[in-house]
Amino acid sequence: MRTFSLVFALPLLAACPVWVAAQTDADSLGVVESIEVKRAEAKETKYSSLKFLKDNRVFIRAQLDLLRVRMTRTRADHPQMLDQRYLLLKQMSAAIAAARDTVSAESLLTAQRQLMTSVTQLGELEVQLSTIEDLLAE
């Protein structure tokens, strides 16, 4: 009587070829039972790039460190004079901002005047309509 222990053999069966035959007590009756073990197919990762990034994290960080820009200041032996336009840039930008404020204030006043004009015209129209109603009522 030959027996086959599957408890110890299962890890070995996963590494073996596809077909493995195991004999049991049924051999004495002339019946042969076989067990088929198939290796599970490896599933593809959903995001393979994330796995790559995780596996190569140290390398990628090292490469990014090489890409970082380092600013250094050096003094020249002979300084150059600045153009007066660069020195006046702050004053010019303040003048532009003031002009924009002036234009926006003027456009706001114009819009208010147009509104008052249209309200006045509506009042005059209402007076005319009431006059027409009075004439029709007589």
N, C-alpha and C. Protein backbone atom coordinates (compact mmCIF):
# COMPACT_ATOMS: atom_id res chain seq x y z
N MET A 1 0.84 -1.17 0.00
CA MET A 1 0.00 0.00 0.00
C MET A 1 0.89 1.23 0.00
N ARG A 2 0.75 2.09 -1.03
CA ARG A 2 1.54 3.31 -1.12
C ARG A 2 0.63 4.51 -0.91
N THR A 3 1.09 5.47 -0.13
CA THR A 3 0.31 6.69 0.08
C THR A 3 1.15 7.88 -0.33
N PHE A 4 0.49 8.94 -0.67
CA PHE A 4 1.17 10.15 -1.13
C PHE A 4 0.65 11.30 -0.29
N SER A 5 1.52 11.99 0.39
CA SER A 5 1.10 13.07 1.27
C SER A 5 1.01 14.37 0.47
N LEU A 6 -0.21 14.88 0.34
CA LEU A 6 -0.43 16.11 -0.41
C LEU A 6 -0.05 17.35 0.38
N VAL A 7 0.00 17.23 1.70
CA VAL A 7 0.32 18.40 2.51
C VAL A 7 1.72 18.90 2.20
N PHE A 8 2.65 17.97 2.08
CA PHE A 8 4.02 18.35 1.80
C PHE A 8 4.29 18.49 0.31
N ALA A 9 3.45 17.91 -0.49
CA ALA A 9 3.72 17.87 -1.91
C ALA A 9 3.12 19.05 -2.67
N LEU A 10 2.14 19.76 -2.11
CA LEU A 10 1.50 20.84 -2.85
C LEU A 10 2.48 21.94 -3.26
N PRO A 11 3.37 22.41 -2.39
CA PRO A 11 4.33 23.41 -2.89
C PRO A 11 5.20 22.87 -4.01
N LEU A 12 5.53 21.60 -3.94
CA LEU A 12 6.34 21.00 -5.01
C LEU A 12 5.53 20.83 -6.28
N LEU A 13 4.25 20.56 -6.13
CA LEU A 13 3.41 20.37 -7.30
C LEU A 13 3.24 21.66 -8.09
N ALA A 14 3.23 22.78 -7.39
CA ALA A 14 3.06 24.05 -8.08
C ALA A 14 4.27 24.34 -8.97
N ALA A 15 5.44 23.85 -8.60
CA ALA A 15 6.64 24.10 -9.38
C ALA A 15 6.87 23.04 -10.45
N CYS A 16 6.17 21.93 -10.38
CA CYS A 16 6.36 20.82 -11.31
C CYS A 16 5.57 21.05 -12.58
N PRO A 17 5.78 20.19 -13.58
CA PRO A 17 4.99 20.29 -14.80
C PRO A 17 3.50 20.13 -14.51
N VAL A 18 2.70 20.31 -15.54
CA VAL A 18 1.26 20.40 -15.38
C VAL A 18 0.64 19.12 -14.84
N TRP A 19 1.04 17.98 -15.31
CA TRP A 19 0.40 16.73 -14.90
C TRP A 19 1.23 16.01 -13.85
N VAL A 20 0.59 15.68 -12.73
CA VAL A 20 1.25 14.89 -11.69
C VAL A 20 0.24 13.83 -11.25
N ALA A 21 0.69 12.61 -11.17
CA ALA A 21 -0.21 11.52 -10.76
C ALA A 21 0.10 11.15 -9.33
N ALA A 22 -0.95 11.02 -8.52
CA ALA A 22 -0.79 10.61 -7.13
C ALA A 22 -1.52 9.29 -6.94
N GLN A 23 -0.86 8.37 -6.29
CA GLN A 23 -1.47 7.07 -6.09
C GLN A 23 -2.07 7.02 -4.68
N THR A 24 -3.19 6.34 -4.56
CA THR A 24 -3.88 6.23 -3.27
C THR A 24 -4.15 4.77 -2.97
N ASP A 25 -4.92 4.53 -1.95
CA ASP A 25 -5.27 3.16 -1.55
C ASP A 25 -6.12 2.45 -2.59
N ALA A 26 -6.65 3.21 -3.51
CA ALA A 26 -7.50 2.62 -4.54
C ALA A 26 -6.70 1.79 -5.53
N ASP A 27 -5.34 1.83 -5.48
CA ASP A 27 -4.52 1.05 -6.40
C ASP A 27 -4.76 -0.45 -6.24
N SER A 28 -5.09 -0.83 -5.03
CA SER A 28 -5.31 -2.26 -4.80
C SER A 28 -6.53 -2.76 -5.58
N LEU A 29 -7.44 -1.87 -5.92
CA LEU A 29 -8.63 -2.27 -6.67
C LEU A 29 -8.43 -2.10 -8.17
N GLY A 30 -7.30 -1.56 -8.57
CA GLY A 30 -7.03 -1.39 -9.98
C GLY A 30 -7.49 -0.04 -10.52
N VAL A 31 -7.88 0.89 -9.62
CA VAL A 31 -8.33 2.20 -10.05
C VAL A 31 -7.21 3.20 -9.78
N VAL A 32 -6.92 4.01 -10.74
CA VAL A 32 -5.87 5.00 -10.59
C VAL A 32 -6.52 6.40 -10.58
N GLU A 33 -6.24 7.14 -9.54
CA GLU A 33 -6.75 8.51 -9.45
C GLU A 33 -5.60 9.46 -9.78
N SER A 34 -5.90 10.48 -10.49
CA SER A 34 -4.86 11.45 -10.82
C SER A 34 -5.33 12.85 -10.40
N ILE A 35 -4.36 13.64 -10.04
CA ILE A 35 -4.63 15.03 -9.63
C ILE A 35 -3.96 15.94 -10.64
N GLU A 36 -4.70 16.88 -11.14
CA GLU A 36 -4.15 17.82 -12.10
C GLU A 36 -3.90 19.14 -11.36
N VAL A 37 -2.69 19.60 -11.45
CA VAL A 37 -2.32 20.86 -10.82
C VAL A 37 -1.90 21.82 -11.91
N LYS A 38 -2.58 22.96 -11.96
CA LYS A 38 -2.24 23.98 -12.95
C LYS A 38 -1.74 25.21 -12.22
N ARG A 39 -0.76 25.77 -12.77
CA ARG A 39 -0.20 26.99 -12.20
C ARG A 39 -1.15 28.15 -12.48
N ALA A 40 -1.41 28.95 -11.47
CA ALA A 40 -2.29 30.11 -11.65
C ALA A 40 -1.60 31.13 -12.54
N GLU A 41 -2.37 31.69 -13.45
CA GLU A 41 -1.81 32.69 -14.33
C GLU A 41 -1.61 33.98 -13.55
N ALA A 42 -0.48 34.59 -13.76
CA ALA A 42 -0.20 35.86 -13.07
C ALA A 42 -1.03 36.96 -13.70
N LYS A 43 -1.75 37.67 -12.86
CA LYS A 43 -2.56 38.77 -13.36
C LYS A 43 -1.66 39.96 -13.63
N GLU A 44 -1.98 40.66 -14.69
CA GLU A 44 -1.22 41.86 -14.98
C GLU A 44 -1.65 42.96 -14.02
N THR A 45 -0.71 43.72 -13.56
CA THR A 45 -1.06 44.78 -12.64
C THR A 45 -1.85 45.84 -13.40
N LYS A 46 -2.77 46.45 -12.68
CA LYS A 46 -3.64 47.43 -13.31
C LYS A 46 -2.85 48.66 -13.74
N TYR A 47 -1.95 49.09 -12.88
CA TYR A 47 -1.14 50.26 -13.18
C TYR A 47 0.33 49.85 -13.12
N SER A 48 0.84 49.36 -14.21
CA SER A 48 2.21 48.86 -14.23
C SER A 48 3.22 49.97 -14.01
N SER A 49 2.88 51.19 -14.42
CA SER A 49 3.82 52.29 -14.22
C SER A 49 3.99 52.61 -12.74
N LEU A 50 2.92 52.45 -11.95
CA LEU A 50 3.04 52.70 -10.52
C LEU A 50 3.96 51.67 -9.87
N LYS A 51 3.88 50.42 -10.31
CA LYS A 51 4.76 49.39 -9.77
C LYS A 51 6.21 49.72 -10.13
N PHE A 52 6.43 50.15 -11.36
CA PHE A 52 7.78 50.53 -11.79
C PHE A 52 8.30 51.68 -10.94
N LEU A 53 7.46 52.69 -10.72
CA LEU A 53 7.89 53.84 -9.93
C LEU A 53 8.21 53.44 -8.49
N LYS A 54 7.39 52.54 -7.94
CA LYS A 54 7.64 52.10 -6.57
C LYS A 54 8.93 51.30 -6.48
N ASP A 55 9.17 50.44 -7.46
CA ASP A 55 10.38 49.63 -7.44
C ASP A 55 11.64 50.47 -7.64
N ASN A 56 11.54 51.54 -8.40
CA ASN A 56 12.73 52.35 -8.73
C ASN A 56 12.70 53.72 -8.07
N ARG A 57 12.10 53.80 -6.91
CA ARG A 57 11.93 55.06 -6.20
C ARG A 57 13.26 55.76 -5.92
N VAL A 58 14.25 55.02 -5.44
CA VAL A 58 15.54 55.61 -5.09
C VAL A 58 16.24 56.16 -6.32
N PHE A 59 16.21 55.39 -7.40
CA PHE A 59 16.85 55.84 -8.63
C PHE A 59 16.20 57.10 -9.17
N ILE A 60 14.87 57.15 -9.16
CA ILE A 60 14.15 58.31 -9.70
C ILE A 60 14.44 59.54 -8.85
N ARG A 61 14.47 59.38 -7.53
CA ARG A 61 14.79 60.53 -6.67
C ARG A 61 16.21 61.03 -6.94
N ALA A 62 17.13 60.12 -7.16
CA ALA A 62 18.51 60.54 -7.45
C ALA A 62 18.57 61.31 -8.76
N GLN A 63 17.81 60.86 -9.76
CA GLN A 63 17.80 61.56 -11.04
C GLN A 63 17.15 62.94 -10.92
N LEU A 64 16.11 63.06 -10.10
CA LEU A 64 15.48 64.36 -9.88
C LEU A 64 16.41 65.31 -9.15
N ASP A 65 17.20 64.78 -8.24
CA ASP A 65 18.17 65.64 -7.54
C ASP A 65 19.18 66.22 -8.51
N LEU A 66 19.53 65.46 -9.54
CA LEU A 66 20.47 65.97 -10.53
C LEU A 66 19.86 67.09 -11.37
N LEU A 67 18.52 67.07 -11.50
CA LEU A 67 17.85 68.06 -12.33
C LEU A 67 17.58 69.38 -11.61
N ARG A 68 17.68 69.38 -10.30
CA ARG A 68 17.38 70.61 -9.57
C ARG A 68 18.37 71.70 -9.93
N VAL A 69 17.84 72.89 -10.11
CA VAL A 69 18.66 74.02 -10.50
C VAL A 69 19.17 74.70 -9.24
N ARG A 70 20.44 74.96 -9.24
CA ARG A 70 21.04 75.65 -8.09
C ARG A 70 21.43 77.05 -8.54
N MET A 71 20.86 78.04 -7.83
CA MET A 71 21.15 79.43 -8.16
C MET A 71 22.39 79.87 -7.38
N THR A 72 23.31 80.47 -8.05
CA THR A 72 24.50 81.01 -7.40
C THR A 72 24.66 82.45 -7.83
N ARG A 73 25.13 83.25 -6.93
CA ARG A 73 25.38 84.66 -7.24
C ARG A 73 26.87 84.90 -7.25
N THR A 74 27.28 85.55 -8.28
CA THR A 74 28.69 85.90 -8.37
C THR A 74 28.79 87.39 -8.64
N ARG A 75 29.82 87.97 -8.17
CA ARG A 75 30.04 89.39 -8.42
C ARG A 75 31.02 89.56 -9.57
N ALA A 76 30.67 90.47 -10.40
CA ALA A 76 31.57 90.77 -11.51
C ALA A 76 32.60 91.79 -11.03
N ASP A 77 33.75 91.74 -11.60
CA ASP A 77 34.79 92.68 -11.20
C ASP A 77 34.47 94.11 -11.62
N HIS A 78 33.76 94.25 -12.69
CA HIS A 78 33.43 95.59 -13.17
C HIS A 78 31.90 95.72 -13.25
N PRO A 79 31.32 96.51 -12.37
CA PRO A 79 29.86 96.68 -12.38
C PRO A 79 29.40 97.49 -13.59
N GLN A 80 28.19 97.25 -14.01
CA GLN A 80 27.63 97.97 -15.14
C GLN A 80 26.55 98.92 -14.63
N MET A 81 26.40 100.03 -15.29
CA MET A 81 25.40 101.02 -14.92
C MET A 81 24.02 100.53 -15.35
N LEU A 82 23.05 100.77 -14.50
CA LEU A 82 21.68 100.41 -14.82
C LEU A 82 21.06 101.48 -15.70
N ASP A 83 20.23 101.04 -16.59
CA ASP A 83 19.51 101.98 -17.45
C ASP A 83 18.47 102.72 -16.61
N GLN A 84 18.27 103.98 -16.86
CA GLN A 84 17.33 104.80 -16.10
C GLN A 84 15.89 104.30 -16.27
N ARG A 85 15.61 103.67 -17.38
CA ARG A 85 14.25 103.15 -17.59
C ARG A 85 13.93 102.05 -16.60
N TYR A 86 14.92 101.22 -16.25
CA TYR A 86 14.69 100.18 -15.25
C TYR A 86 14.43 100.79 -13.89
N LEU A 87 15.10 101.88 -13.58
CA LEU A 87 14.89 102.54 -12.29
C LEU A 87 13.52 103.21 -12.23
N LEU A 88 13.00 103.64 -13.36
CA LEU A 88 11.71 104.32 -13.40
C LEU A 88 10.54 103.34 -13.59
N LEU A 89 10.84 102.06 -13.68
CA LEU A 89 9.81 101.07 -13.95
C LEU A 89 8.72 101.06 -12.89
N LYS A 90 9.09 101.19 -11.62
CA LYS A 90 8.11 101.18 -10.54
C LYS A 90 7.19 102.40 -10.64
N GLN A 91 7.75 103.54 -10.95
CA GLN A 91 6.94 104.76 -11.09
C GLN A 91 6.00 104.64 -12.29
N MET A 92 6.50 104.07 -13.38
CA MET A 92 5.66 103.92 -14.57
C MET A 92 4.51 102.96 -14.30
N SER A 93 4.77 101.86 -13.59
CA SER A 93 3.69 100.91 -13.30
C SER A 93 2.66 101.54 -12.37
N ALA A 94 3.08 102.39 -11.42
CA ALA A 94 2.13 103.09 -10.56
C ALA A 94 1.28 104.06 -11.37
N ALA A 95 1.89 104.75 -12.34
CA ALA A 95 1.14 105.68 -13.19
C ALA A 95 0.12 104.94 -14.05
N ILE A 96 0.49 103.77 -14.54
CA ILE A 96 -0.44 102.97 -15.35
C ILE A 96 -1.62 102.51 -14.51
N ALA A 97 -1.33 102.07 -13.28
CA ALA A 97 -2.41 101.63 -12.39
C ALA A 97 -3.35 102.78 -12.06
N ALA A 98 -2.80 103.99 -11.84
CA ALA A 98 -3.62 105.16 -11.55
C ALA A 98 -4.48 105.51 -12.76
N ALA A 99 -3.93 105.40 -13.96
CA ALA A 99 -4.70 105.69 -15.17
C ALA A 99 -5.84 104.69 -15.33
N ARG A 100 -5.57 103.42 -15.02
CA ARG A 100 -6.63 102.41 -15.09
C ARG A 100 -7.73 102.74 -14.10
N ASP A 101 -7.36 103.16 -12.91
CA ASP A 101 -8.36 103.53 -11.91
C ASP A 101 -9.19 104.71 -12.39
N THR A 102 -8.54 105.67 -13.02
CA THR A 102 -9.25 106.84 -13.54
C THR A 102 -10.22 106.44 -14.64
N VAL A 103 -9.78 105.58 -15.54
CA VAL A 103 -10.63 105.13 -16.65
C VAL A 103 -11.81 104.34 -16.10
N SER A 104 -11.57 103.46 -15.14
CA SER A 104 -12.68 102.67 -14.60
C SER A 104 -13.66 103.56 -13.84
N ALA A 105 -13.17 104.59 -13.13
CA ALA A 105 -14.06 105.51 -12.43
C ALA A 105 -14.90 106.30 -13.43
N GLU A 106 -14.29 106.74 -14.51
CA GLU A 106 -15.02 107.48 -15.54
C GLU A 106 -16.07 106.59 -16.21
N SER A 107 -15.73 105.35 -16.48
CA SER A 107 -16.70 104.46 -17.11
C SER A 107 -17.85 104.16 -16.15
N LEU A 108 -17.58 104.10 -14.85
CA LEU A 108 -18.63 103.89 -13.86
C LEU A 108 -19.56 105.10 -13.83
N LEU A 109 -19.01 106.31 -13.85
CA LEU A 109 -19.83 107.52 -13.87
C LEU A 109 -20.67 107.60 -15.13
N THR A 110 -20.11 107.20 -16.26
CA THR A 110 -20.85 107.20 -17.52
C THR A 110 -22.01 106.23 -17.46
N ALA A 111 -21.79 105.05 -16.89
CA ALA A 111 -22.86 104.06 -16.76
C ALA A 111 -23.96 104.58 -15.84
N GLN A 112 -23.59 105.26 -14.76
CA GLN A 112 -24.60 105.82 -13.85
C GLN A 112 -25.41 106.92 -14.54
N ARG A 113 -24.74 107.75 -15.32
CA ARG A 113 -25.44 108.81 -16.05
C ARG A 113 -26.43 108.21 -17.06
N GLN A 114 -26.02 107.17 -17.75
CA GLN A 114 -26.91 106.53 -18.72
C GLN A 114 -28.11 105.92 -18.02
N LEU A 115 -27.91 105.36 -16.84
CA LEU A 115 -29.01 104.78 -16.07
C LEU A 115 -29.99 105.87 -15.66
N MET A 116 -29.48 106.98 -15.16
CA MET A 116 -30.35 108.09 -14.75
C MET A 116 -31.11 108.65 -15.95
N THR A 117 -30.46 108.73 -17.09
CA THR A 117 -31.13 109.21 -18.30
C THR A 117 -32.27 108.29 -18.70
N SER A 118 -32.01 106.97 -18.65
CA SER A 118 -33.07 106.03 -19.02
C SER A 118 -34.21 106.06 -18.01
N VAL A 119 -33.92 106.25 -16.73
CA VAL A 119 -34.98 106.35 -15.72
C VAL A 119 -35.82 107.61 -15.97
N THR A 120 -35.16 108.71 -16.30
CA THR A 120 -35.87 109.96 -16.60
C THR A 120 -36.76 109.78 -17.82
N GLN A 121 -36.25 109.12 -18.84
CA GLN A 121 -37.04 108.89 -20.04
C GLN A 121 -38.25 108.01 -19.73
N LEU A 122 -38.06 107.01 -18.87
CA LEU A 122 -39.20 106.16 -18.49
C LEU A 122 -40.25 106.98 -17.73
N GLY A 123 -39.80 107.92 -16.90
CA GLY A 123 -40.76 108.79 -16.18
C GLY A 123 -41.55 109.65 -17.13
N GLU A 124 -40.87 110.21 -18.12
CA GLU A 124 -41.56 111.02 -19.11
C GLU A 124 -42.55 110.18 -19.91
N LEU A 125 -42.19 108.96 -20.25
CA LEU A 125 -43.07 108.06 -20.99
C LEU A 125 -44.30 107.72 -20.15
N GLU A 126 -44.10 107.53 -18.86
CA GLU A 126 -45.22 107.22 -17.98
C GLU A 126 -46.20 108.40 -17.91
N VAL A 127 -45.66 109.62 -17.87
CA VAL A 127 -46.53 110.80 -17.86
C VAL A 127 -47.33 110.87 -19.15
N GLN A 128 -46.70 110.59 -20.28
CA GLN A 128 -47.41 110.62 -21.55
C GLN A 128 -48.52 109.56 -21.60
N LEU A 129 -48.22 108.36 -21.08
CA LEU A 129 -49.22 107.29 -21.08
C LEU A 129 -50.41 107.65 -20.18
N SER A 130 -50.12 108.26 -19.03
CA SER A 130 -51.23 108.65 -18.15
C SER A 130 -52.07 109.75 -18.78
N THR A 131 -51.44 110.64 -19.55
CA THR A 131 -52.19 111.69 -20.25
C THR A 131 -53.09 111.06 -21.30
N ILE A 132 -52.57 110.04 -22.02
CA ILE A 132 -53.36 109.37 -23.06
C ILE A 132 -54.53 108.64 -22.41
N GLU A 133 -54.30 108.00 -21.26
CA GLU A 133 -55.39 107.29 -20.57
C GLU A 133 -56.47 108.27 -20.14
N ASP A 134 -56.05 109.45 -19.64
CA ASP A 134 -57.04 110.45 -19.22
C ASP A 134 -57.87 110.92 -20.41
N LEU A 135 -57.24 111.12 -21.58
CA LEU A 135 -57.96 111.56 -22.77
C LEU A 135 -58.93 110.48 -23.27
N LEU A 136 -58.50 109.21 -23.15
CA LEU A 136 -59.38 108.13 -23.59
C LEU A 136 -60.55 107.92 -22.63
N ALA A 137 -60.34 108.23 -21.38
CA ALA A 137 -61.39 108.04 -20.39
C ALA A 137 -62.50 109.08 -20.57
N GLU A 138 -62.21 110.24 -21.09
CA GLU A 138 -63.22 111.29 -21.26
C GLU A 138 -64.12 111.07 -22.38
